[in-house]
N, C-alpha and C. Protein backbone atom coordinates (compact mmCIF):
# COMPACT_ATOMS: atom_id res chain seq x y z
N UNK A 1 89.69 82.32 57.48
CA UNK A 1 90.45 80.78 56.80
C UNK A 1 89.72 80.44 55.45
N UNK A 2 90.66 80.00 54.97
CA UNK A 2 90.49 79.51 53.48
C UNK A 2 91.05 77.98 53.22
N UNK A 3 89.89 77.49 52.35
CA UNK A 3 89.96 76.03 52.23
C UNK A 3 90.62 75.53 51.43
N UNK A 4 91.62 74.09 51.61
CA UNK A 4 92.31 73.67 50.47
C UNK A 4 92.52 72.35 50.22
N UNK A 5 91.93 71.94 49.83
CA UNK A 5 92.14 70.25 49.72
C UNK A 5 90.55 69.95 51.34
N UNK A 6 89.83 70.58 51.19
CA UNK A 6 88.74 70.24 52.19
C UNK A 6 89.24 70.35 53.74
N UNK A 7 90.71 71.23 54.02
CA UNK A 7 91.41 71.58 54.85
C UNK A 7 91.31 72.91 55.22
N UNK A 8 90.68 73.15 56.29
CA UNK A 8 90.66 74.57 56.61
C UNK A 8 92.09 75.36 57.07
N UNK A 9 92.48 76.00 56.60
CA UNK A 9 93.65 76.86 56.72
C UNK A 9 93.49 78.47 57.14
N UNK A 10 94.10 78.78 58.02
CA UNK A 10 94.05 80.41 58.24
C UNK A 10 95.05 81.20 57.52
N UNK A 11 94.44 82.47 57.35
CA UNK A 11 94.96 83.45 56.23
C UNK A 11 95.87 83.67 57.22
N UNK A 12 96.58 84.99 56.50
CA UNK A 12 97.98 85.72 57.38
C UNK A 12 97.34 86.65 58.08
N UNK A 13 95.63 87.06 57.75
CA UNK A 13 95.19 88.27 58.84
C UNK A 13 94.71 87.52 59.65
N UNK A 14 94.06 86.51 59.56
CA UNK A 14 93.45 86.14 60.93
C UNK A 14 94.67 85.27 61.86
N UNK A 15 96.00 84.89 61.49
CA UNK A 15 96.76 84.88 62.15
C UNK A 15 96.97 85.94 62.96
N UNK A 16 97.67 87.03 62.00
CA UNK A 16 97.93 88.58 62.57
C UNK A 16 97.17 88.87 64.01
N UNK A 17 95.43 88.84 63.38
CA UNK A 17 94.33 88.87 64.31
C UNK A 17 94.63 88.21 65.47
N UNK A 18 94.77 86.99 65.82
CA UNK A 18 94.74 86.23 66.40
C UNK A 18 96.47 86.48 67.71
N UNK A 19 97.10 86.79 66.78
CA UNK A 19 98.13 87.23 67.30
C UNK A 19 98.28 88.59 68.35
N UNK A 20 97.72 89.05 68.17
CA UNK A 20 97.07 90.84 68.57
C UNK A 20 96.75 90.59 69.71
N UNK A 21 95.84 89.97 69.47
CA UNK A 21 94.78 89.41 70.38
C UNK A 21 95.44 88.91 71.93
N UNK A 22 96.22 87.94 71.29
CA UNK A 22 97.01 87.00 72.22
C UNK A 22 97.92 88.14 72.86
N UNK A 23 98.50 89.05 72.40
CA UNK A 23 99.45 89.92 73.02
C UNK A 23 98.91 90.90 73.96
N UNK A 24 97.44 91.15 73.64
CA UNK A 24 96.77 92.28 74.22
C UNK A 24 96.24 91.36 75.73
N UNK A 25 95.91 90.05 75.49
CA UNK A 25 95.44 89.40 77.02
C UNK A 25 96.28 89.09 77.97
N UNK A 26 98.06 89.39 77.13
CA UNK A 26 99.39 88.85 77.93
C UNK A 26 99.52 90.25 78.29
N UNK A 27 99.63 91.25 78.11
CA UNK A 27 99.64 92.55 78.44
C UNK A 27 98.66 92.79 79.67
N UNK A 28 97.85 92.50 79.54
CA UNK A 28 96.49 93.10 80.79
C UNK A 28 96.98 91.84 81.47
N UNK A 29 97.06 90.85 81.57
CA UNK A 29 97.19 89.96 82.76
C UNK A 29 98.52 90.29 83.58
N UNK A 30 99.83 90.51 82.51
CA UNK A 30 101.13 91.18 83.27
C UNK A 30 100.64 92.65 84.24
N UNK A 31 99.57 93.40 83.86
CA UNK A 31 99.50 94.77 84.30
C UNK A 31 98.86 94.17 85.26
N UNK A 32 97.59 93.31 85.06
CA UNK A 32 97.11 93.12 86.66
C UNK A 32 97.78 92.27 87.70
N UNK A 33 98.66 91.61 87.31
CA UNK A 33 99.62 90.88 88.07
C UNK A 33 100.08 91.94 88.71
N UNK A 34 100.73 93.11 88.39
CA UNK A 34 101.73 93.88 89.02
C UNK A 34 100.73 94.45 89.67
N UNK A 35 99.69 95.34 89.62
CA UNK A 35 98.59 95.81 90.25
C UNK A 35 98.33 94.97 91.43
N UNK A 36 98.44 93.84 91.41
CA UNK A 36 97.84 93.05 92.28
C UNK A 36 98.30 92.37 93.37
N UNK A 37 100.19 92.46 93.52
CA UNK A 37 100.82 92.17 94.63
C UNK A 37 100.07 92.57 95.66
N UNK A 38 99.51 91.97 96.92
CA UNK A 38 99.48 92.39 97.65
C UNK A 38 100.50 92.98 98.79
N UNK A 39 99.87 94.48 99.73
CA UNK A 39 100.86 94.99 100.33
C UNK A 39 100.53 93.84 101.92
N UNK A 40 101.84 93.20 101.87
CA UNK A 40 101.76 92.57 103.30
C UNK A 40 103.54 92.65 103.75
N UNK A 41 103.56 92.06 105.02
CA UNK A 41 105.29 92.04 105.17
C UNK A 41 104.95 90.98 106.69
N UNK A 42 106.30 90.21 106.16
CA UNK A 42 106.41 89.06 107.22
C UNK A 42 107.83 89.42 108.13
N UNK A 43 107.39 89.64 109.70
CA UNK A 43 108.61 89.75 110.05
C UNK A 43 109.07 88.72 110.87
N UNK A 44 110.05 88.08 111.40
CA UNK A 44 110.53 87.23 112.07
C UNK A 44 111.77 87.26 112.12
N UNK A 45 113.03 86.04 113.36
CA UNK A 45 113.75 86.65 113.88
C UNK A 45 113.40 86.56 115.26
N UNK A 46 114.28 87.26 115.90
CA UNK A 46 114.49 87.96 117.28
C UNK A 46 113.08 88.65 117.32
N UNK A 47 111.86 88.11 117.77
CA UNK A 47 110.70 88.95 118.13
C UNK A 47 110.30 88.07 118.80
N UNK A 48 109.07 88.95 119.99
CA UNK A 48 108.62 88.47 121.19
C UNK A 48 106.96 88.11 120.49
N UNK A 49 106.39 88.77 119.76
CA UNK A 49 104.91 88.52 119.16
C UNK A 49 105.12 88.12 118.15
N UNK A 50 104.35 86.73 117.54
CA UNK A 50 103.86 86.51 116.42
C UNK A 50 102.14 85.97 116.13
N UNK A 51 102.07 85.76 114.85
CA UNK A 51 100.40 85.30 114.72
C UNK A 51 100.28 84.20 113.81
N UNK A 52 101.44 83.24 113.52
CA UNK A 52 101.21 82.51 112.87
C UNK A 52 101.32 81.34 113.50
N UNK A 53 100.64 80.01 112.98
CA UNK A 53 100.22 78.68 113.05
C UNK A 53 101.45 78.43 114.32
N UNK A 54 102.95 78.33 113.60
CA UNK A 54 103.79 78.31 114.21
C UNK A 54 104.66 78.55 115.18
N UNK A 55 104.14 79.92 115.24
CA UNK A 55 104.76 80.94 116.34
C UNK A 55 106.25 80.86 115.85
N UNK A 56 106.43 81.47 114.50
CA UNK A 56 107.68 81.88 113.84
C UNK A 56 107.77 83.38 113.21
N UNK A 57 106.46 83.39 113.23
CA UNK A 57 106.10 84.94 112.05
C UNK A 57 105.28 85.76 112.64
N UNK A 58 105.62 87.30 112.53
CA UNK A 58 104.07 87.99 112.56
C UNK A 58 103.69 88.71 111.10
N UNK A 59 102.66 87.86 110.53
CA UNK A 59 102.63 88.15 109.23
C UNK A 59 101.50 89.69 109.40
N UNK A 60 102.12 90.95 108.49
CA UNK A 60 101.05 92.07 108.80
C UNK A 60 100.27 91.83 107.16
N UNK A 61 99.16 92.07 107.73
CA UNK A 61 97.98 92.07 106.37
C UNK A 61 98.31 93.92 105.87
N UNK A 62 97.70 93.72 104.99
CA UNK A 62 97.65 95.27 103.93
C UNK A 62 96.86 96.19 105.33
N UNK A 63 96.07 95.37 105.82
CA UNK A 63 94.92 96.75 106.77
C UNK A 63 95.74 96.92 108.19
N UNK A 64 96.62 95.87 108.46
CA UNK A 64 97.49 95.71 110.03
C UNK A 64 98.63 96.96 109.50
N UNK A 65 98.88 97.05 108.25
CA UNK A 65 100.09 97.95 107.88
C UNK A 65 99.43 99.39 107.95
N UNK A 66 98.23 99.51 107.33
CA UNK A 66 97.74 100.95 107.19
C UNK A 66 97.43 101.53 108.44
N UNK A 67 97.07 99.96 109.29
CA UNK A 67 96.36 100.95 110.80
C UNK A 67 97.34 101.29 111.91
N UNK A 68 98.89 101.15 111.03
CA UNK A 68 99.65 101.75 111.80
C UNK A 68 100.08 103.24 111.76
N UNK A 69 100.55 103.77 112.52
CA UNK A 69 100.47 105.45 112.50
C UNK A 69 101.32 106.03 111.21
N UNK A 70 100.83 106.75 110.51
CA UNK A 70 101.78 106.80 109.14
C UNK A 70 102.27 108.28 109.32
N UNK A 71 103.56 108.26 108.40
CA UNK A 71 104.54 109.16 108.74
C UNK A 71 104.99 109.82 107.07
N UNK A 72 105.40 110.64 107.14
CA UNK A 72 106.17 111.28 105.90
C UNK A 72 107.19 111.81 105.98
N UNK A 73 108.00 111.31 104.73
CA UNK A 73 109.55 111.63 104.25
C UNK A 73 109.73 112.53 102.90
N UNK A 74 109.84 113.60 102.78
CA UNK A 74 110.20 114.38 101.79
C UNK A 74 111.49 114.10 101.12
N UNK A 75 112.12 113.45 100.28
CA UNK A 75 113.31 113.34 99.80
C UNK A 75 113.78 112.85 98.42
N UNK A 76 114.60 113.00 97.95
CA UNK A 76 115.14 112.48 96.59
C UNK A 76 115.76 111.25 97.06
N UNK A 77 115.50 110.68 95.91
CA UNK A 77 116.44 108.89 96.10
C UNK A 77 117.17 108.71 94.74
N UNK A 78 118.25 108.23 94.63
CA UNK A 78 118.92 108.35 93.24
C UNK A 78 118.05 107.48 92.01
N UNK A 79 116.77 107.04 92.37
CA UNK A 79 115.92 106.81 91.35
C UNK A 79 114.83 107.45 91.42
N UNK A 80 114.41 108.38 92.39
CA UNK A 80 112.94 109.16 91.94
C UNK A 80 113.86 110.77 92.28
N UNK A 81 112.78 111.43 92.00
CA UNK A 81 113.24 113.12 92.14
C UNK A 81 112.54 113.41 93.81
N UNK A 82 112.62 114.58 93.60
CA UNK A 82 112.56 114.85 95.32
C UNK A 82 110.70 114.20 95.57
N UNK A 83 110.40 113.81 96.40
CA UNK A 83 109.04 113.06 96.09
C UNK A 83 108.68 113.02 97.59
N UNK A 84 107.29 113.27 97.95
CA UNK A 84 107.09 112.79 99.43
C UNK A 84 106.54 111.05 99.78
N UNK A 85 107.14 110.38 100.64
CA UNK A 85 106.85 108.91 100.54
C UNK A 85 106.36 108.80 102.27
N UNK A 86 105.12 108.16 102.27
CA UNK A 86 104.45 107.68 103.08
C UNK A 86 104.19 106.52 103.59
N UNK A 87 104.49 106.47 105.27
CA UNK A 87 104.55 104.58 105.65
C UNK A 87 104.39 104.97 107.04
N UNK A 88 104.56 104.00 107.85
CA UNK A 88 104.48 103.80 109.04
C UNK A 88 106.54 103.65 109.55
N UNK A 89 106.53 104.09 110.46
CA UNK A 89 108.22 103.85 110.77
C UNK A 89 108.47 102.43 111.20
N UNK A 90 109.89 102.20 110.38
CA UNK A 90 110.33 100.96 110.62
C UNK A 90 110.14 100.97 112.25
N UNK A 91 110.76 101.66 113.07
CA UNK A 91 110.36 101.51 114.59
C UNK A 91 109.25 100.94 115.61
N UNK A 92 108.01 101.66 114.41
CA UNK A 92 106.79 100.90 115.03
C UNK A 92 106.61 99.78 114.47
N UNK A 93 106.80 99.82 113.39
CA UNK A 93 106.73 97.76 113.06
C UNK A 93 107.51 96.97 114.16
N UNK A 94 108.83 97.54 114.14
CA UNK A 94 109.48 96.48 115.21
C UNK A 94 109.09 96.67 116.44
N UNK A 95 108.29 97.46 117.08
CA UNK A 95 107.91 97.47 117.99
C UNK A 95 106.45 97.11 118.37
N UNK A 96 105.64 96.47 117.44
CA UNK A 96 104.79 96.13 116.97
C UNK A 96 105.13 94.42 117.52
N UNK A 97 105.71 93.86 116.97
CA UNK A 97 106.52 92.83 116.89
C UNK A 97 107.63 92.02 118.39
N UNK A 98 107.43 93.19 118.88
CA UNK A 98 109.03 93.11 120.19
C UNK A 98 109.85 92.37 119.19
N UNK A 99 110.51 93.05 118.62
CA UNK A 99 111.78 93.15 118.34
C UNK A 99 113.04 93.31 119.46
N UNK A 100 114.07 92.45 119.18
CA UNK A 100 115.02 92.74 120.53
C UNK A 100 116.55 92.63 119.77
N UNK A 101 116.61 92.39 118.58
CA UNK A 101 117.72 92.34 117.94
C UNK A 101 118.42 93.46 117.69
N UNK A 102 119.59 93.66 117.19
CA UNK A 102 120.17 94.95 117.00
C UNK A 102 120.15 95.39 115.12
N UNK A 103 119.81 94.44 114.05
CA UNK A 103 120.26 94.56 113.24
C UNK A 103 118.76 93.86 112.54
N UNK A 104 118.38 94.54 111.14
CA UNK A 104 117.66 93.90 110.33
C UNK A 104 117.42 93.85 108.99
N UNK A 105 117.24 92.40 108.84
CA UNK A 105 117.57 91.78 107.33
C UNK A 105 116.22 91.96 106.83
N UNK A 106 116.69 92.67 105.12
CA UNK A 106 115.31 93.29 104.74
C UNK A 106 115.25 92.62 103.55
N UNK A 107 114.24 91.72 102.93
CA UNK A 107 114.12 90.83 101.54
C UNK A 107 113.29 91.36 100.89
N UNK A 108 113.29 91.32 99.86
CA UNK A 108 112.54 91.75 98.60
C UNK A 108 111.62 90.57 97.37
N UNK A 109 110.70 90.74 96.84
CA UNK A 109 109.99 89.97 95.67
C UNK A 109 111.69 90.05 94.69
N UNK A 110 112.21 90.56 94.60
CA UNK A 110 113.50 90.03 93.40
C UNK A 110 114.25 89.71 94.11
N UNK A 111 114.49 89.18 95.33
CA UNK A 111 115.38 88.17 95.73
C UNK A 111 116.54 89.14 96.27
N UNK A 112 116.75 90.21 96.41
CA UNK A 112 117.66 91.24 97.31
C UNK A 112 117.61 91.23 98.57
N UNK A 113 118.87 91.28 99.28
CA UNK A 113 118.79 91.38 100.62
C UNK A 113 119.94 92.40 101.03
N UNK A 114 119.49 93.38 102.14
CA UNK A 114 120.27 94.31 102.41
C UNK A 114 120.32 94.10 104.48
N UNK A 115 121.18 94.47 104.75
CA UNK A 115 120.91 94.55 106.12
C UNK A 115 121.16 95.92 107.01
N UNK A 116 120.30 96.51 107.67
CA UNK A 116 120.81 97.69 108.27
C UNK A 116 120.57 97.38 109.38
N UNK A 117 121.48 98.82 110.37
CA UNK A 117 121.31 98.43 112.15
C UNK A 117 120.32 99.01 112.33
N UNK A 118 119.40 98.64 113.48
CA UNK A 118 118.25 98.71 114.21
C UNK A 118 118.40 100.25 114.48
N UNK A 119 119.87 100.86 114.85
CA UNK A 119 120.01 102.30 115.60
C UNK A 119 119.36 103.09 114.14
N UNK A 120 119.57 102.78 113.30
CA UNK A 120 119.09 103.57 111.82
C UNK A 120 117.82 104.17 112.09
N UNK A 121 116.67 103.34 113.02
CA UNK A 121 115.16 103.78 112.75
C UNK A 121 115.45 104.94 114.04
N UNK A 122 116.15 104.85 114.98
CA UNK A 122 116.08 105.98 116.09
C UNK A 122 116.62 107.44 115.28
N UNK A 123 117.95 107.17 115.00
CA UNK A 123 118.62 107.97 114.28
C UNK A 123 118.30 109.17 112.95
N UNK A 124 117.44 108.21 111.47
CA UNK A 124 117.32 108.58 110.88
C UNK A 124 115.31 109.09 110.82
N UNK A 125 114.67 107.91 111.71
CA UNK A 125 113.67 107.96 111.34
C UNK A 125 113.06 107.27 110.23
N UNK A 126 113.53 106.13 109.97
CA UNK A 126 113.33 105.22 108.51
C UNK A 126 111.89 104.87 108.48
N UNK A 127 110.94 105.33 107.14
CA UNK A 127 109.89 104.89 106.89
C UNK A 127 109.78 103.27 106.27
N UNK A 128 108.80 102.43 106.22
CA UNK A 128 108.48 101.57 105.02
C UNK A 128 107.43 102.13 104.09
N UNK A 129 107.57 103.02 103.56
CA UNK A 129 106.76 103.53 102.61
C UNK A 129 105.61 102.78 101.85
N UNK A 130 104.47 102.73 101.90
CA UNK A 130 103.59 101.98 100.68
C UNK A 130 102.87 103.19 99.82
N UNK A 131 103.72 104.69 100.11
CA UNK A 131 102.80 105.23 98.72
C UNK A 131 103.68 106.51 98.30
N UNK A 132 104.02 106.87 97.26
CA UNK A 132 104.45 108.34 96.81
C UNK A 132 104.02 109.02 96.24
N UNK A 133 104.13 110.75 96.87
CA UNK A 133 103.54 111.49 96.06
C UNK A 133 101.90 111.38 96.15
N UNK A 134 100.88 110.53 97.27
CA UNK A 134 100.01 110.46 97.77
C UNK A 134 99.38 109.01 96.71
N UNK A 135 100.43 108.17 95.94
CA UNK A 135 99.58 107.40 94.97
C UNK A 135 100.54 106.02 95.63
N UNK A 136 99.71 104.84 95.93
CA UNK A 136 100.19 103.65 96.27
C UNK A 136 100.96 102.72 95.43
N UNK A 137 102.11 102.90 95.99
CA UNK A 137 103.51 101.92 95.54
C UNK A 137 102.76 100.69 94.86
N UNK A 138 103.24 100.50 93.42
CA UNK A 138 103.14 99.05 92.80
C UNK A 138 104.29 98.35 92.44
N UNK A 139 104.34 97.39 92.08
CA UNK A 139 105.63 96.52 92.51
C UNK A 139 106.46 96.79 91.12
N UNK A 140 105.56 97.34 90.05
CA UNK A 140 106.54 98.00 89.41
C UNK A 140 107.11 99.76 89.27
N UNK A 141 106.65 100.27 90.51
CA UNK A 141 107.59 101.06 90.99
C UNK A 141 107.67 101.11 92.32
N UNK A 142 108.85 100.31 92.61
CA UNK A 142 109.21 100.47 93.89
C UNK A 142 108.55 99.60 94.91
N UNK A 143 106.89 99.14 94.81
CA UNK A 143 106.50 98.87 95.79
C UNK A 143 106.27 97.49 95.81
N UNK A 144 105.50 96.94 96.49
CA UNK A 144 104.58 97.34 97.48
C UNK A 144 104.94 98.29 98.54
N UNK A 145 105.96 97.74 98.97
CA UNK A 145 107.09 98.81 100.15
C UNK A 145 107.91 99.33 100.24
N UNK A 146 108.47 100.42 100.75
CA UNK A 146 109.94 100.83 99.84
C UNK A 146 110.30 101.45 101.28
N UNK A 147 112.05 100.93 101.63
CA UNK A 147 112.43 101.94 102.82
C UNK A 147 113.26 103.15 102.55
N UNK A 148 112.83 103.98 103.21
CA UNK A 148 113.07 105.28 102.78
C UNK A 148 113.61 105.91 104.04
N UNK A 149 114.66 106.49 103.53
CA UNK A 149 115.55 107.59 104.45
C UNK A 149 115.60 109.05 104.41
N UNK A 150 115.13 109.51 105.31
CA UNK A 150 115.64 111.07 104.46
C UNK A 150 116.81 111.66 104.11
N UNK A 151 116.81 111.44 103.02
CA UNK A 151 118.70 111.54 102.20
C UNK A 151 118.86 112.89 102.31
N UNK A 152 118.16 113.74 102.02
CA UNK A 152 118.22 115.42 101.83
C UNK A 152 118.35 115.84 102.90
N UNK A 153 117.91 115.52 104.18
CA UNK A 153 118.35 116.25 105.58
C UNK A 153 120.00 115.42 106.01
N UNK A 154 120.15 114.37 105.42
CA UNK A 154 121.41 114.16 105.63
C UNK A 154 122.31 113.74 104.54
N UNK A 155 122.52 114.65 103.71
CA UNK A 155 123.29 114.16 102.45
C UNK A 155 124.70 113.72 102.36
N UNK A 156 125.27 114.27 103.61
CA UNK A 156 126.47 113.72 103.79
C UNK A 156 127.02 112.33 104.10
N UNK A 157 125.66 111.62 104.80
CA UNK A 157 125.82 110.72 105.48
C UNK A 157 124.90 109.63 104.54
N UNK A 158 123.83 110.23 103.46
CA UNK A 158 123.22 109.27 102.94
C UNK A 158 123.21 109.33 101.34
N UNK A 159 124.64 109.84 101.19
CA UNK A 159 124.98 109.94 99.63
C UNK A 159 125.81 108.81 99.23
N UNK A 160 125.76 108.38 98.00
CA UNK A 160 126.75 107.32 97.54
C UNK A 160 126.51 106.05 97.60
N UNK A 161 126.78 105.10 97.38
CA UNK A 161 126.79 103.90 96.62
C UNK A 161 126.39 102.77 97.87
N UNK A 162 127.24 103.52 99.05
CA UNK A 162 126.66 102.37 100.39
C UNK A 162 125.48 102.77 100.70
N UNK A 163 125.06 103.97 100.97
CA UNK A 163 123.79 104.80 101.40
C UNK A 163 122.68 104.18 100.72
N UNK A 164 122.45 104.47 99.18
CA UNK A 164 122.00 103.75 98.09
C UNK A 164 121.26 102.41 98.45
N UNK A 165 122.30 101.87 98.72
CA UNK A 165 121.94 99.89 99.24
C UNK A 165 120.60 100.14 100.65
N UNK A 166 120.63 101.09 101.27
CA UNK A 166 119.75 101.42 102.05
C UNK A 166 118.47 101.18 102.22
N UNK A 167 118.51 102.06 100.44
CA UNK A 167 116.98 102.41 100.35
C UNK A 167 115.98 101.56 99.23
N UNK A 168 115.45 100.18 99.99
CA UNK A 168 115.37 98.52 99.43
C UNK A 168 113.99 99.14 99.10
N UNK A 169 113.43 98.18 97.97
CA UNK A 169 112.09 98.45 97.47
C UNK A 169 111.88 97.17 97.22
N UNK A 170 110.43 96.58 96.89
CA UNK A 170 109.79 95.63 96.56
C UNK A 170 109.91 94.65 97.96
N UNK A 171 109.89 95.47 99.27
CA UNK A 171 109.73 94.43 100.57
C UNK A 171 108.91 93.31 100.36
N UNK A 172 109.30 92.18 101.23
CA UNK A 172 108.44 91.47 101.58
C UNK A 172 108.61 90.98 103.05
N UNK A 173 109.57 91.12 103.18
CA UNK A 173 109.82 90.39 104.86
C UNK A 173 111.25 91.00 105.61
N UNK A 174 110.73 91.00 106.63
CA UNK A 174 112.37 91.49 107.58
C UNK A 174 112.57 90.45 108.37
N UNK A 175 113.82 90.33 108.90
CA UNK A 175 114.23 89.39 109.70
C UNK A 175 114.86 89.91 110.50
N UNK A 176 114.93 89.93 111.96
CA UNK A 176 115.20 90.64 112.99
C UNK A 176 116.85 89.68 113.54
N UNK A 177 117.77 90.57 113.44
CA UNK A 177 118.94 89.52 114.24
C UNK A 177 119.91 90.01 115.33
């Protein structure tokens, strides 16, 4: 600080140091937020079982998602090299809530919505992945949940823009229709 006419004025060095400190604090905060996105999933719509007070939603906590049997699919996507994705079968999630519709609308944290036919769950063995190559998915890398199809096993059916739309990441909710 430099004093001019009895008033303390910051020097350029003081301002620069404070600016760097603020930048570091903001980056740390953003990084913590990206890691801190909880893994949870809300399922609503045509379901028989709910666990909320209003009886409209089945809310899966992280512990409940991890308690479901896990399955792995090793495949590439348009955004990732060949990797091993792990998580519960979409069919197991839908069975747990007693789903009785014929399609599932998938909603994400970034407001993307895509509808997949329920028949995909049996035909492809679709999983809701929470890890890739043994590492938990974060919101900054397709997480916390990523809908994965076995693309490499069905290249004729699961390649191209229409198929790519099915690989939905940053999933937060499912609505059974």
